[in-house]
Every structure is written in C-alpha cells, then in structure tokens.
C-alpha cells in the first residue's frame, strides 16, 4: 500500500490530496480484501489513479458477489412441455404476389 501511495504522490503531486481522499472513500465502500486485490492489480499494471482503483475494486467486488449468487444452474420450466415441437403455418408465396400485383 505504501509503495502504491508513494507512486501516486510521485505521478500526481498536485492532486495527491484528492487522490488520497478518493482512496479513503473507497476503503469505506469495499472490504480490505477487495482493496488489497485491486491495489495488487493496479501495481502490476502500473495504474496510479484513484478512480481507476475504484473501478478495479468494483469489478472485483461484483465478480465475488456473482460467484456467490450463481452456484446452482438456472432451471427453466415451461407450462407446455411440447412447445418445441410446434410447427408454424407456412404461407404460399402466390398469396403475397396477388396482393402486390
């Protein structure tokens, strides 16, 4: 974390305060595990902006919640079990030709 924050200070000395305030806000929104994973990702990919860190944290967080909610396959049941066997009526092309002429 210290290395990440130092890199932000080096890259954006004029906006350090804004960047740190945004990161502080992110730590209130996400748990520390998500924030650590997001910072690791950003360090590996040399991403040193708090807004981008937030986007990465949000993606990691949503991926984790999706994994928890989709554990069993979705089962689709229809009322008519033979619906896939229905064959639609076919029109004769001469009907359309007589209307157009």
C-alpha atoms as a PDB file:
ATOM      1  CA  UNK A   1       0.000   0.000   0.000  1.00  0.00           C
ATOM      2  CA  UNK A   2       2.784   2.370   0.925  1.00  0.00           C
ATOM      3  CA  UNK A   3       4.502   1.822  -2.418  1.00  0.00           C
ATOM      4  CA  UNK A   4       1.232   2.443  -4.285  1.00  0.00           C
ATOM      5  CA  UNK A   5       0.575   5.681  -2.417  1.00  0.00           C
ATOM      6  CA  UNK A   6       4.133   6.861  -2.964  1.00  0.00           C
ATOM      7  CA  UNK A   7       3.760   6.228  -6.680  1.00  0.00           C
ATOM      8  CA  UNK A   8       0.575   8.308  -6.738  1.00  0.00           C
ATOM      9  CA  UNK A   9       2.416  11.101  -4.942  1.00  0.00           C
ATOM     10  CA  UNK A  10       5.228  10.916  -7.478  1.00  0.00           C
ATOM     11  CA  UNK A  11       2.942  10.810 -10.545  1.00  0.00           C
ATOM     12  CA  UNK A  12       0.397  13.400  -9.421  1.00  0.00           C
ATOM     13  CA  UNK A  13       1.984  15.686  -6.807  1.00  0.00           C
ATOM     14  CA  UNK A  14      -0.554  18.427  -7.408  1.00  0.00           C
ATOM     15  CA  UNK A  15      -3.563  16.134  -6.864  1.00  0.00           C
ATOM     16  CA  UNK A  16      -2.291  13.907  -4.036  1.00  0.00           C
ATOM     17  CA  UNK A  17      -4.887  15.172  -1.584  1.00  0.00           C
ATOM     18  CA  UNK A  18      -7.790  14.464  -3.966  1.00  0.00           C
ATOM     19  CA  UNK A  19      -6.413  11.028  -4.820  1.00  0.00           C
ATOM     20  CA  UNK A  20      -5.989  10.078  -1.147  1.00  0.00           C
ATOM     21  CA  UNK A  21      -9.468  11.318  -0.244  1.00  0.00           C
ATOM     22  CA  UNK A  22     -10.938   9.187  -3.004  1.00  0.00           C
ATOM     23  CA  UNK A  23      -8.988   6.132  -1.826  1.00  0.00           C
ATOM     24  CA  UNK A  24     -10.175   6.749   1.752  1.00  0.00           C
ATOM     25  CA  UNK A  25     -13.756   6.832   0.454  1.00  0.00           C
ATOM     26  CA  UNK A  26     -13.161   3.548  -1.410  1.00  0.00           C
ATOM     27  CA  UNK A  27     -11.938   1.835   1.770  1.00  0.00           C
ATOM     28  CA  UNK A  28     -15.295   2.695   3.328  1.00  0.00           C
ATOM     29  CA  UNK A  29     -17.176   1.172   0.393  1.00  0.00           C
ATOM     30  CA  UNK A  30     -15.187  -2.054  -0.056  1.00  0.00           C
ATOM     31  CA  UNK A  31     -13.664  -4.512   2.386  1.00  0.00           C
ATOM     32  CA  UNK A  32      -9.902  -4.720   2.777  1.00  0.00           C
ATOM     33  CA  UNK A  33      -9.565  -7.969   0.824  1.00  0.00           C
ATOM     34  CA  UNK A  34     -11.116  -6.367  -2.259  1.00  0.00           C
ATOM     35  CA  UNK A  35      -8.982  -3.246  -1.830  1.00  0.00           C
ATOM     36  CA  UNK A  36      -5.790  -5.316  -1.496  1.00  0.00           C
ATOM     37  CA  UNK A  37      -6.613  -7.285  -4.642  1.00  0.00           C
ATOM     38  CA  UNK A  38      -7.413  -4.086  -6.502  1.00  0.00           C
ATOM     39  CA  UNK A  39      -4.158  -2.442  -5.396  1.00  0.00           C
ATOM     40  CA  UNK A  40      -2.175  -5.509  -6.391  1.00  0.00           C
ATOM     41  CA  UNK A  41      -3.778  -5.427  -9.822  1.00  0.00           C
ATOM     42  CA  UNK A  42      -3.105  -1.709 -10.199  1.00  0.00           C
ATOM     43  CA  UNK A  43       0.524  -2.093  -9.104  1.00  0.00           C
ATOM     44  CA  UNK A  44       1.120  -4.904 -11.591  1.00  0.00           C
ATOM     45  CA  UNK A  45      -0.462  -2.902 -14.413  1.00  0.00           C
ATOM     46  CA  UNK A  46       1.012   0.468 -13.346  1.00  0.00           C
ATOM     47  CA  UNK A  47      -2.345   2.103 -12.797  1.00  0.00           C
ATOM     48  CA  UNK A  48      -1.888   5.011 -10.396  1.00  0.00           C
ATOM     49  CA  UNK A  49      -5.232   6.813 -10.317  1.00  0.00           C
ATOM     50  CA  UNK A  50      -7.749   6.542  -7.502  1.00  0.00           C
ATOM     51  CA  UNK A  51     -10.716   6.496  -9.886  1.00  0.00           C
ATOM     52  CA  UNK A  52      -9.224   3.561 -11.775  1.00  0.00           C
ATOM     53  CA  UNK A  53      -8.522   1.821  -8.475  1.00  0.00           C
ATOM     54  CA  UNK A  54     -12.210   2.253  -7.680  1.00  0.00           C
ATOM     55  CA  UNK A  55     -13.239   0.712 -10.992  1.00  0.00           C
ATOM     56  CA  UNK A  56     -10.978  -2.289 -10.400  1.00  0.00           C
ATOM     57  CA  UNK A  57     -12.285  -2.705  -6.836  1.00  0.00           C
ATOM     58  CA  UNK A  58     -15.878  -2.531  -8.087  1.00  0.00           C
ATOM     59  CA  UNK A  59     -15.162  -5.202 -10.712  1.00  0.00           C
ATOM     60  CA  UNK A  60     -13.513  -7.497  -8.163  1.00  0.00           C
ATOM     61  CA  UNK A  61     -16.390  -6.951  -5.734  1.00  0.00           C
ATOM     62  CA  UNK A  62     -19.097  -7.703  -8.318  1.00  0.00           C
ATOM     63  CA  UNK A  63     -17.246 -10.767  -9.555  1.00  0.00           C
ATOM     64  CA  UNK A  64     -17.135 -12.090  -5.989  1.00  0.00           C
ATOM     65  CA  UNK A  65     -20.838 -11.490  -5.385  1.00  0.00           C
ATOM     66  CA  UNK A  66     -21.754 -13.091  -8.724  1.00  0.00           C
ATOM     67  CA  UNK A  67     -19.785 -16.213  -7.815  1.00  0.00           C
ATOM     68  CA  UNK A  68     -21.732 -16.455  -4.568  1.00  0.00           C
ATOM     69  CA  UNK A  69     -25.164 -15.987  -6.126  1.00  0.00           C
ATOM     70  CA  UNK A  70     -24.759 -18.313  -9.128  1.00  0.00           C
ATOM     71  CA  UNK A  71     -23.873 -21.607  -7.514  1.00  0.00           C
ATOM     72  CA  UNK A  72     -26.642 -23.760  -8.947  1.00  0.00           C
ATOM     73  CA  UNK A  73     -27.649 -23.809 -12.600  1.00  0.00           C
ATOM     74  CA  UNK A  74     -30.762 -21.905 -13.546  1.00  0.00           C
ATOM     75  CA  UNK A  75     -33.653 -24.221 -14.297  1.00  0.00           C
ATOM     76  CA  UNK A  76     -36.182 -23.045 -16.872  1.00  0.00           C
ATOM     77  CA  UNK A  77     -39.546 -24.707 -16.814  1.00  0.00           C
ATOM     78  CA  UNK A  78     -42.306 -24.116 -19.332  1.00  0.00           C
ATOM     79  CA  UNK A  79     -46.008 -24.739 -18.998  1.00  0.00           C
ATOM     80  CA  UNK A  80     -46.270 -26.594 -22.302  1.00  0.00           C
ATOM     81  CA  UNK A  81     -43.573 -29.261 -22.475  1.00  0.00           C
ATOM     82  CA  UNK A  82     -44.256 -29.887 -26.181  1.00  0.00           C
ATOM     83  CA  UNK A  83     -43.797 -26.243 -27.211  1.00  0.00           C
ATOM     84  CA  UNK A  84     -40.559 -27.025 -29.024  1.00  0.00           C
ATOM     85  CA  UNK A  85     -42.412 -29.427 -31.340  1.00  0.00           C
ATOM     86  CA  UNK A  86     -44.863 -26.813 -32.702  1.00  0.00           C
ATOM     87  CA  UNK A  87     -44.507 -26.136 -36.428  1.00  0.00           C
ATOM     88  CA  UNK A  88     -45.744 -22.701 -37.579  1.00  0.00           C
ATOM     89  CA  UNK A  89     -48.126 -22.326 -40.508  1.00  0.00           C
ATOM     90  CA  UNK A  90     -46.490 -21.554 -43.841  1.00  0.00           C
ATOM     91  CA  UNK A  91     -47.882 -19.044 -46.291  1.00  0.00           C
ATOM     92  CA  UNK A  92     -47.972 -19.612 -50.022  1.00  0.00           C
ATOM     93  CA  UNK A  93     -45.967 -17.043 -51.995  1.00  0.00           C
ATOM     94  CA  UNK A  94     -48.815 -16.700 -54.522  1.00  0.00           C
ATOM     95  CA  UNK A  95     -50.960 -15.052 -51.798  1.00  0.00           C
ATOM     96  CA  UNK A  96     -48.386 -12.249 -51.478  1.00  0.00           C
ATOM     97  CA  UNK A  97     -47.898 -11.958 -55.223  1.00  0.00           C
ATOM     98  CA  UNK A  98     -51.619 -11.487 -55.796  1.00  0.00           C
ATOM     99  CA  UNK A  99     -51.691  -8.682 -53.188  1.00  0.00           C
ATOM    100  CA  UNK A 100     -48.717  -6.870 -54.757  1.00  0.00           C
ATOM    101  CA  UNK A 101     -50.000  -7.033 -58.356  1.00  0.00           C
END
